[in-house]
Amino acid sequence: MRKQYDFSKAKRNPYAKRLKRQITIRLDVETVAYFNGLAAETGIPYQALINLYLRDCAASRKRLALEWRPEQHRAA
């Protein structure tokens, strides 16, 4: 191993923009169990499966059909 290396002609990693970033996300137990089951069937780690699913949703611009109804307070 050299004591010093010359990086003056080094090139930036062209794939650096595609690198993943570690985050914390809260998922319910059933969701994790579902992806763990898929992981066991496919041999793909469950976190990779979740990432693939979310990437597919983002690429296809999938939108959730959410309807928010604030809980009405009842008079006693």
PDB file of N, CA and C in Angstrom:
ATOM      1  N   MET A   1       0.839  -1.171   0.000  1.00  0.00           N
ATOM      2  CA  MET A   1       0.000   0.000   0.000  1.00  0.00           C
ATOM      3  C   MET A   1       0.891   1.244   0.000  1.00  0.00           C
ATOM      4  N   ARG A   2       0.544   2.183  -0.833  1.00  0.00           N
ATOM      5  CA  ARG A   2       1.333   3.414  -0.916  1.00  0.00           C
ATOM      6  C   ARG A   2       1.022   4.353   0.243  1.00  0.00           C
ATOM      7  N   LYS A   3       1.980   5.198   0.555  1.00  0.00           N
ATOM      8  CA  LYS A   3       1.747   6.198   1.598  1.00  0.00           C
ATOM      9  C   LYS A   3       0.882   7.329   1.071  1.00  0.00           C
ATOM     10  N   GLN A   4       0.991   7.631  -0.230  1.00  0.00           N
ATOM     11  CA  GLN A   4       0.197   8.687  -0.847  1.00  0.00           C
ATOM     12  C   GLN A   4      -0.294   8.220  -2.213  1.00  0.00           C
ATOM     13  N   TYR A   5      -1.455   8.695  -2.595  1.00  0.00           N
ATOM     14  CA  TYR A   5      -2.033   8.389  -3.895  1.00  0.00           C
ATOM     15  C   TYR A   5      -2.311   9.687  -4.629  1.00  0.00           C
ATOM     16  N   ASP A   6      -2.212   9.648  -5.950  1.00  0.00           N
ATOM     17  CA  ASP A   6      -2.471  10.830  -6.770  1.00  0.00           C
ATOM     18  C   ASP A   6      -3.879  10.742  -7.337  1.00  0.00           C
ATOM     19  N   PHE A   7      -4.774  11.591  -6.837  1.00  0.00           N
ATOM     20  CA  PHE A   7      -6.156  11.610  -7.307  1.00  0.00           C
ATOM     21  C   PHE A   7      -6.423  12.781  -8.247  1.00  0.00           C
ATOM     22  N   SER A   8      -5.373  13.421  -8.761  1.00  0.00           N
ATOM     23  CA  SER A   8      -5.544  14.602  -9.606  1.00  0.00           C
ATOM     24  C   SER A   8      -6.256  14.286 -10.917  1.00  0.00           C
ATOM     25  N   LYS A   9      -6.174  13.051 -11.392  1.00  0.00           N
ATOM     26  CA  LYS A   9      -6.830  12.669 -12.651  1.00  0.00           C
ATOM     27  C   LYS A   9      -8.073  11.817 -12.406  1.00  0.00           C
ATOM     28  N   ALA A  10      -8.527  11.783 -11.175  1.00  0.00           N
ATOM     29  CA  ALA A  10      -9.702  10.975 -10.832  1.00  0.00           C
ATOM     30  C   ALA A  10     -10.969  11.604 -11.404  1.00  0.00           C
ATOM     31  N   LYS A  11     -11.941  10.767 -11.708  1.00  0.00           N
ATOM     32  CA  LYS A  11     -13.236  11.226 -12.212  1.00  0.00           C
ATOM     33  C   LYS A  11     -14.289  10.985 -11.152  1.00  0.00           C
ATOM     34  N   ARG A  12     -15.285  11.859 -11.112  1.00  0.00           N
ATOM     35  CA  ARG A  12     -16.395  11.673 -10.180  1.00  0.00           C
ATOM     36  C   ARG A  12     -17.213  10.451 -10.580  1.00  0.00           C
ATOM     37  N   ASN A  13     -17.799   9.827  -9.602  1.00  0.00           N
ATOM     38  CA  ASN A  13     -18.645   8.663  -9.835  1.00  0.00           C
ATOM     39  C   ASN A  13     -19.890   9.094 -10.611  1.00  0.00           C
ATOM     40  N   PRO A  14     -20.100   8.576 -11.832  1.00  0.00           N
ATOM     41  CA  PRO A  14     -21.279   8.990 -12.607  1.00  0.00           C
ATOM     42  C   PRO A  14     -22.593   8.481 -12.017  1.00  0.00           C
ATOM     43  N   TYR A  15     -22.519   7.526 -11.121  1.00  0.00           N
ATOM     44  CA  TYR A  15     -23.717   6.958 -10.524  1.00  0.00           C
ATOM     45  C   TYR A  15     -24.016   7.537  -9.144  1.00  0.00           C
ATOM     46  N   ALA A  16     -23.255   8.531  -8.726  1.00  0.00           N
ATOM     47  CA  ALA A  16     -23.402   9.086  -7.379  1.00  0.00           C
ATOM     48  C   ALA A  16     -24.801   9.621  -7.132  1.00  0.00           C
ATOM     49  N   LYS A  17     -25.441  10.179  -8.156  1.00  0.00           N
ATOM     50  CA  LYS A  17     -26.793  10.724  -7.982  1.00  0.00           C
ATOM     51  C   LYS A  17     -27.820   9.631  -7.739  1.00  0.00           C
ATOM     52  N   ARG A  18     -27.503   8.407  -8.124  1.00  0.00           N
ATOM     53  CA  ARG A  18     -28.439   7.302  -7.969  1.00  0.00           C
ATOM     54  C   ARG A  18     -28.271   6.559  -6.642  1.00  0.00           C
ATOM     55  N   LEU A  19     -27.342   7.014  -5.821  1.00  0.00           N
ATOM     56  CA  LEU A  19     -27.101   6.346  -4.554  1.00  0.00           C
ATOM     57  C   LEU A  19     -28.309   6.493  -3.644  1.00  0.00           C
ATOM     58  N   LYS A  20     -28.440   5.582  -2.735  1.00  0.00           N
ATOM     59  CA  LYS A  20     -29.552   5.607  -1.800  1.00  0.00           C
ATOM     60  C   LYS A  20     -29.190   6.405  -0.565  1.00  0.00           C
ATOM     61  N   ARG A  21     -30.206   6.901   0.094  1.00  0.00           N
ATOM     62  CA  ARG A  21     -30.022   7.661   1.320  1.00  0.00           C
ATOM     63  C   ARG A  21     -30.776   6.947   2.444  1.00  0.00           C
ATOM     64  N   GLN A  22     -30.125   6.786   3.557  1.00  0.00           N
ATOM     65  CA  GLN A  22     -30.743   6.119   4.692  1.00  0.00           C
ATOM     66  C   GLN A  22     -31.687   7.092   5.399  1.00  0.00           C
ATOM     67  N   ILE A  23     -32.920   6.608   5.650  1.00  0.00           N
ATOM     68  CA  ILE A  23     -33.912   7.401   6.371  1.00  0.00           C
ATOM     69  C   ILE A  23     -34.584   6.505   7.403  1.00  0.00           C
ATOM     70  N   THR A  24     -35.371   7.106   8.261  1.00  0.00           N
ATOM     71  CA  THR A  24     -36.193   6.353   9.197  1.00  0.00           C
ATOM     72  C   THR A  24     -37.634   6.514   8.757  1.00  0.00           C
ATOM     73  N   ILE A  25     -38.349   5.412   8.664  1.00  0.00           N
ATOM     74  CA  ILE A  25     -39.748   5.444   8.258  1.00  0.00           C
ATOM     75  C   ILE A  25     -40.523   4.500   9.173  1.00  0.00           C
ATOM     76  N   ARG A  26     -41.682   4.920   9.582  1.00  0.00           N
ATOM     77  CA  ARG A  26     -42.511   4.094  10.453  1.00  0.00           C
ATOM     78  C   ARG A  26     -43.556   3.362   9.621  1.00  0.00           C
ATOM     79  N   LEU A  27     -43.521   2.045   9.681  1.00  0.00           N
ATOM     80  CA  LEU A  27     -44.462   1.199   8.946  1.00  0.00           C
ATOM     81  C   LEU A  27     -45.197   0.320   9.932  1.00  0.00           C
ATOM     82  N   ASP A  28     -46.465   0.026   9.635  1.00  0.00           N
ATOM     83  CA  ASP A  28     -47.195  -0.839  10.550  1.00  0.00           C
ATOM     84  C   ASP A  28     -46.733  -2.291  10.393  1.00  0.00           C
ATOM     85  N   VAL A  29     -47.024  -3.071  11.396  1.00  0.00           N
ATOM     86  CA  VAL A  29     -46.543  -4.459  11.469  1.00  0.00           C
ATOM     87  C   VAL A  29     -47.024  -5.283  10.280  1.00  0.00           C
ATOM     88  N   GLU A  30     -48.274  -5.077   9.870  1.00  0.00           N
ATOM     89  CA  GLU A  30     -48.832  -5.849   8.754  1.00  0.00           C
ATOM     90  C   GLU A  30     -48.099  -5.563   7.450  1.00  0.00           C
ATOM     91  N   THR A  31     -47.727  -4.303   7.230  1.00  0.00           N
ATOM     92  CA  THR A  31     -47.013  -3.933   6.008  1.00  0.00           C
ATOM     93  C   THR A  31     -45.641  -4.596   5.964  1.00  0.00           C
ATOM     94  N   VAL A  32     -44.928  -4.542   7.072  1.00  0.00           N
ATOM     95  CA  VAL A  32     -43.604  -5.165   7.136  1.00  0.00           C
ATOM     96  C   VAL A  32     -43.730  -6.676   6.948  1.00  0.00           C
ATOM     97  N   ALA A  33     -44.742  -7.282   7.565  1.00  0.00           N
ATOM     98  CA  ALA A  33     -44.959  -8.725   7.417  1.00  0.00           C
ATOM     99  C   ALA A  33     -45.236  -9.085   5.954  1.00  0.00           C
ATOM    100  N   TYR A  34     -46.034  -8.261   5.283  1.00  0.00           N
ATOM    101  CA  TYR A  34     -46.338  -8.508   3.869  1.00  0.00           C
ATOM    102  C   TYR A  34     -45.060  -8.513   3.031  1.00  0.00           C
ATOM    103  N   PHE A  35     -44.223  -7.487   3.208  1.00  0.00           N
ATOM    104  CA  PHE A  35     -42.994  -7.405   2.420  1.00  0.00           C
ATOM    105  C   PHE A  35     -41.982  -8.466   2.852  1.00  0.00           C
ATOM    106  N   ASN A  36     -41.984  -8.864   4.124  1.00  0.00           N
ATOM    107  CA  ASN A  36     -41.125  -9.975   4.556  1.00  0.00           C
ATOM    108  C   ASN A  36     -41.545 -11.269   3.877  1.00  0.00           C
ATOM    109  N   GLY A  37     -42.850 -11.471   3.728  1.00  0.00           N
ATOM    110  CA  GLY A  37     -43.349 -12.652   3.015  1.00  0.00           C
ATOM    111  C   GLY A  37     -42.909 -12.656   1.560  1.00  0.00           C
ATOM    112  N   LEU A  38     -43.032 -11.498   0.912  1.00  0.00           N
ATOM    113  CA  LEU A  38     -42.573 -11.388  -0.477  1.00  0.00           C
ATOM    114  C   LEU A  38     -41.070 -11.632  -0.567  1.00  0.00           C
ATOM    115  N   ALA A  39     -40.340 -11.147   0.419  1.00  0.00           N
ATOM    116  CA  ALA A  39     -38.886 -11.337   0.433  1.00  0.00           C
ATOM    117  C   ALA A  39     -38.544 -12.817   0.514  1.00  0.00           C
ATOM    118  N   ALA A  40     -39.270 -13.549   1.341  1.00  0.00           N
ATOM    119  CA  ALA A  40     -39.018 -14.987   1.481  1.00  0.00           C
ATOM    120  C   ALA A  40     -39.305 -15.720   0.170  1.00  0.00           C
ATOM    121  N   GLU A  41     -40.358 -15.281  -0.544  1.00  0.00           N
ATOM    122  CA  GLU A  41     -40.727 -15.921  -1.810  1.00  0.00           C
ATOM    123  C   GLU A  41     -39.737 -15.611  -2.928  1.00  0.00           C
ATOM    124  N   THR A  42     -39.272 -14.371  -2.980  1.00  0.00           N
ATOM    125  CA  THR A  42     -38.467 -13.921  -4.107  1.00  0.00           C
ATOM    126  C   THR A  42     -36.967 -13.976  -3.858  1.00  0.00           C
ATOM    127  N   GLY A  43     -36.566 -13.982  -2.583  1.00  0.00           N
ATOM    128  CA  GLY A  43     -35.141 -13.945  -2.272  1.00  0.00           C
ATOM    129  C   GLY A  43     -34.559 -12.536  -2.347  1.00  0.00           C
ATOM    130  N   ILE A  44     -35.428 -11.533  -2.469  1.00  0.00           N
ATOM    131  CA  ILE A  44     -35.002 -10.131  -2.507  1.00  0.00           C
ATOM    132  C   ILE A  44     -35.243  -9.548  -1.122  1.00  0.00           C
ATOM    133  N   PRO A  45     -34.287  -8.841  -0.539  1.00  0.00           N
ATOM    134  CA  PRO A  45     -34.494  -8.270   0.798  1.00  0.00           C
ATOM    135  C   PRO A  45     -35.747  -7.384   0.846  1.00  0.00           C
ATOM    136  N   TYR A  46     -36.448  -7.432   1.971  1.00  0.00           N
ATOM    137  CA  TYR A  46     -37.724  -6.726   2.076  1.00  0.00           C
ATOM    138  C   TYR A  46     -37.574  -5.219   1.901  1.00  0.00           C
ATOM    139  N   GLN A  47     -36.460  -4.646   2.349  1.00  0.00           N
ATOM    140  CA  GLN A  47     -36.267  -3.210   2.183  1.00  0.00           C
ATOM    141  C   GLN A  47     -36.096  -2.853   0.706  1.00  0.00           C
ATOM    142  N   ALA A  48     -35.450  -3.726  -0.051  1.00  0.00           N
ATOM    143  CA  ALA A  48     -35.302  -3.503  -1.487  1.00  0.00           C
ATOM    144  C   ALA A  48     -36.667  -3.585  -2.170  1.00  0.00           C
ATOM    145  N   LEU A  49     -37.514  -4.511  -1.729  1.00  0.00           N
ATOM    146  CA  LEU A  49     -38.858  -4.636  -2.298  1.00  0.00           C
ATOM    147  C   LEU A  49     -39.697  -3.392  -2.022  1.00  0.00           C
ATOM    148  N   ILE A  50     -39.619  -2.878  -0.809  1.00  0.00           N
ATOM    149  CA  ILE A  50     -40.348  -1.660  -0.468  1.00  0.00           C
ATOM    150  C   ILE A  50     -39.845  -0.517  -1.344  1.00  0.00           C
ATOM    151  N   ASN A  51     -38.529  -0.416  -1.528  1.00  0.00           N
ATOM    152  CA  ASN A  51     -37.962   0.626  -2.376  1.00  0.00           C
ATOM    153  C   ASN A  51     -38.434   0.478  -3.818  1.00  0.00           C
ATOM    154  N   LEU A  52     -38.448  -0.740  -4.343  1.00  0.00           N
ATOM    155  CA  LEU A  52     -38.913  -0.966  -5.715  1.00  0.00           C
ATOM    156  C   LEU A  52     -40.371  -0.565  -5.872  1.00  0.00           C
ATOM    157  N   TYR A  53     -41.196  -0.916  -4.881  1.00  0.00           N
ATOM    158  CA  TYR A  53     -42.621  -0.569  -4.941  1.00  0.00           C
ATOM    159  C   TYR A  53     -42.807   0.941  -4.910  1.00  0.00           C
ATOM    160  N   LEU A  54     -42.123   1.618  -3.998  1.00  0.00           N
ATOM    161  CA  LEU A  54     -42.252   3.069  -3.906  1.00  0.00           C
ATOM    162  C   LEU A  54     -41.708   3.754  -5.157  1.00  0.00           C
ATOM    163  N   ARG A  55     -40.620   3.225  -5.713  1.00  0.00           N
ATOM    164  CA  ARG A  55     -40.072   3.787  -6.949  1.00  0.00           C
ATOM    165  C   ARG A  55     -41.073   3.654  -8.090  1.00  0.00           C
ATOM    166  N   ASP A  56     -41.740   2.491  -8.170  1.00  0.00           N
ATOM    167  CA  ASP A  56     -42.750   2.272  -9.203  1.00  0.00           C
ATOM    168  C   ASP A  56     -43.915   3.248  -9.026  1.00  0.00           C
ATOM    169  N   CYS A  57     -44.339   3.453  -7.789  1.00  0.00           N
ATOM    170  CA  CYS A  57     -45.421   4.413  -7.519  1.00  0.00           C
ATOM    171  C   CYS A  57     -45.014   5.816  -7.953  1.00  0.00           C
ATOM    172  N   ALA A  58     -43.792   6.215  -7.641  1.00  0.00           N
ATOM    173  CA  ALA A  58     -43.320   7.550  -8.002  1.00  0.00           C
ATOM    174  C   ALA A  58     -43.189   7.696  -9.517  1.00  0.00           C
ATOM    175  N   ALA A  59     -42.672   6.666 -10.180  1.00  0.00           N
ATOM    176  CA  ALA A  59     -42.472   6.725 -11.632  1.00  0.00           C
ATOM    177  C   ALA A  59     -43.803   6.817 -12.377  1.00  0.00           C
ATOM    178  N   SER A  60     -44.821   6.120 -11.879  1.00  0.00           N
ATOM    179  CA  SER A  60     -46.126   6.140 -12.535  1.00  0.00           C
ATOM    180  C   SER A  60     -47.029   7.235 -11.987  1.00  0.00           C
ATOM    181  N   ARG A  61     -46.479   8.045 -11.069  1.00  0.00           N
ATOM    182  CA  ARG A  61     -47.224   9.169 -10.471  1.00  0.00           C
ATOM    183  C   ARG A  61     -48.533   8.705  -9.832  1.00  0.00           C
ATOM    184  N   LYS A  62     -48.476   7.538  -9.179  1.00  0.00           N
ATOM    185  CA  LYS A  62     -49.640   6.997  -8.486  1.00  0.00           C
ATOM    186  C   LYS A  62     -50.067   7.935  -7.373  1.00  0.00           C
ATOM    187  N   ARG A  63     -51.351   8.136  -7.224  1.00  0.00           N
ATOM    188  CA  ARG A  63     -51.888   8.992  -6.173  1.00  0.00           C
ATOM    189  C   ARG A  63     -52.867   8.169  -5.338  1.00  0.00           C
ATOM    190  N   LEU A  64     -52.814   8.363  -4.042  1.00  0.00           N
ATOM    191  CA  LEU A  64     -53.759   7.690  -3.164  1.00  0.00           C
ATOM    192  C   LEU A  64     -55.111   8.378  -3.242  1.00  0.00           C
ATOM    193  N   ALA A  65     -56.157   7.600  -3.124  1.00  0.00           N
ATOM    194  CA  ALA A  65     -57.505   8.163  -3.069  1.00  0.00           C
ATOM    195  C   ALA A  65     -57.841   8.357  -1.591  1.00  0.00           C
ATOM    196  N   LEU A  66     -57.473   9.499  -1.060  1.00  0.00           N
ATOM    197  CA  LEU A  66     -57.702   9.796   0.349  1.00  0.00           C
ATOM    198  C   LEU A  66     -58.899  10.709   0.506  1.00  0.00           C
ATOM    199  N   GLU A  67     -59.654  10.419   1.529  1.00  0.00           N
ATOM    200  CA  GLU A  67     -60.775  11.295   1.865  1.00  0.00           C
ATOM    201  C   GLU A  67     -60.716  11.520   3.362  1.00  0.00           C
ATOM    202  N   TRP A  68     -60.477  12.745   3.765  1.00  0.00           N
ATOM    203  CA  TRP A  68     -60.322  13.083   5.166  1.00  0.00           C
ATOM    204  C   TRP A  68     -61.620  13.658   5.694  1.00  0.00           C
ATOM    205  N   ARG A  69     -62.139  13.042   6.726  1.00  0.00           N
ATOM    206  CA  ARG A  69     -63.343  13.539   7.378  1.00  0.00           C
ATOM    207  C   ARG A  69     -63.018  13.761   8.844  1.00  0.00           C
ATOM    208  N   PRO A  70     -62.880  15.012   9.247  1.00  0.00           N
ATOM    209  CA  PRO A  70     -62.608  15.262  10.665  1.00  0.00           C
ATOM    210  C   PRO A  70     -63.738  14.707  11.533  1.00  0.00           C
ATOM    211  N   GLU A  71     -63.342  14.125  12.637  1.00  0.00           N
ATOM    212  CA  GLU A  71     -64.332  13.544  13.539  1.00  0.00           C
ATOM    213  C   GLU A  71     -65.208  14.654  14.116  1.00  0.00           C
ATOM    214  N   GLN A  72     -66.529  14.445  14.024  1.00  0.00           N
ATOM    215  CA  GLN A  72     -67.460  15.451  14.547  1.00  0.00           C
ATOM    216  C   GLN A  72     -67.661  15.201  16.039  1.00  0.00           C
ATOM    217  N   HIS A  73     -67.649  16.283  16.782  1.00  0.00           N
ATOM    218  CA  HIS A  73     -67.857  16.168  18.225  1.00  0.00           C
ATOM    219  C   HIS A  73     -69.347  16.073  18.509  1.00  0.00           C
ATOM    220  N   ARG A  74     -69.679  15.145  19.346  1.00  0.00           N
ATOM    221  CA  ARG A  74     -71.090  14.958  19.716  1.00  0.00           C
ATOM    222  C   ARG A  74     -71.368  15.663  21.023  1.00  0.00           C
ATOM    223  N   ALA A  75     -72.530  16.251  21.103  1.00  0.00           N
ATOM    224  CA  ALA A  75     -72.960  16.877  22.363  1.00  0.00           C
ATOM    225  C   ALA A  75     -73.443  15.793  23.307  1.00  0.00           C
ATOM    226  N   ALA A  76     -73.028  15.865  24.554  1.00  0.00           N
ATOM    227  CA  ALA A  76     -73.395  14.836  25.534  1.00  0.00           C
ATOM    228  C   ALA A  76     -74.767  15.046  26.085  1.00  0.00           C
TER     229      ALA A  76
END
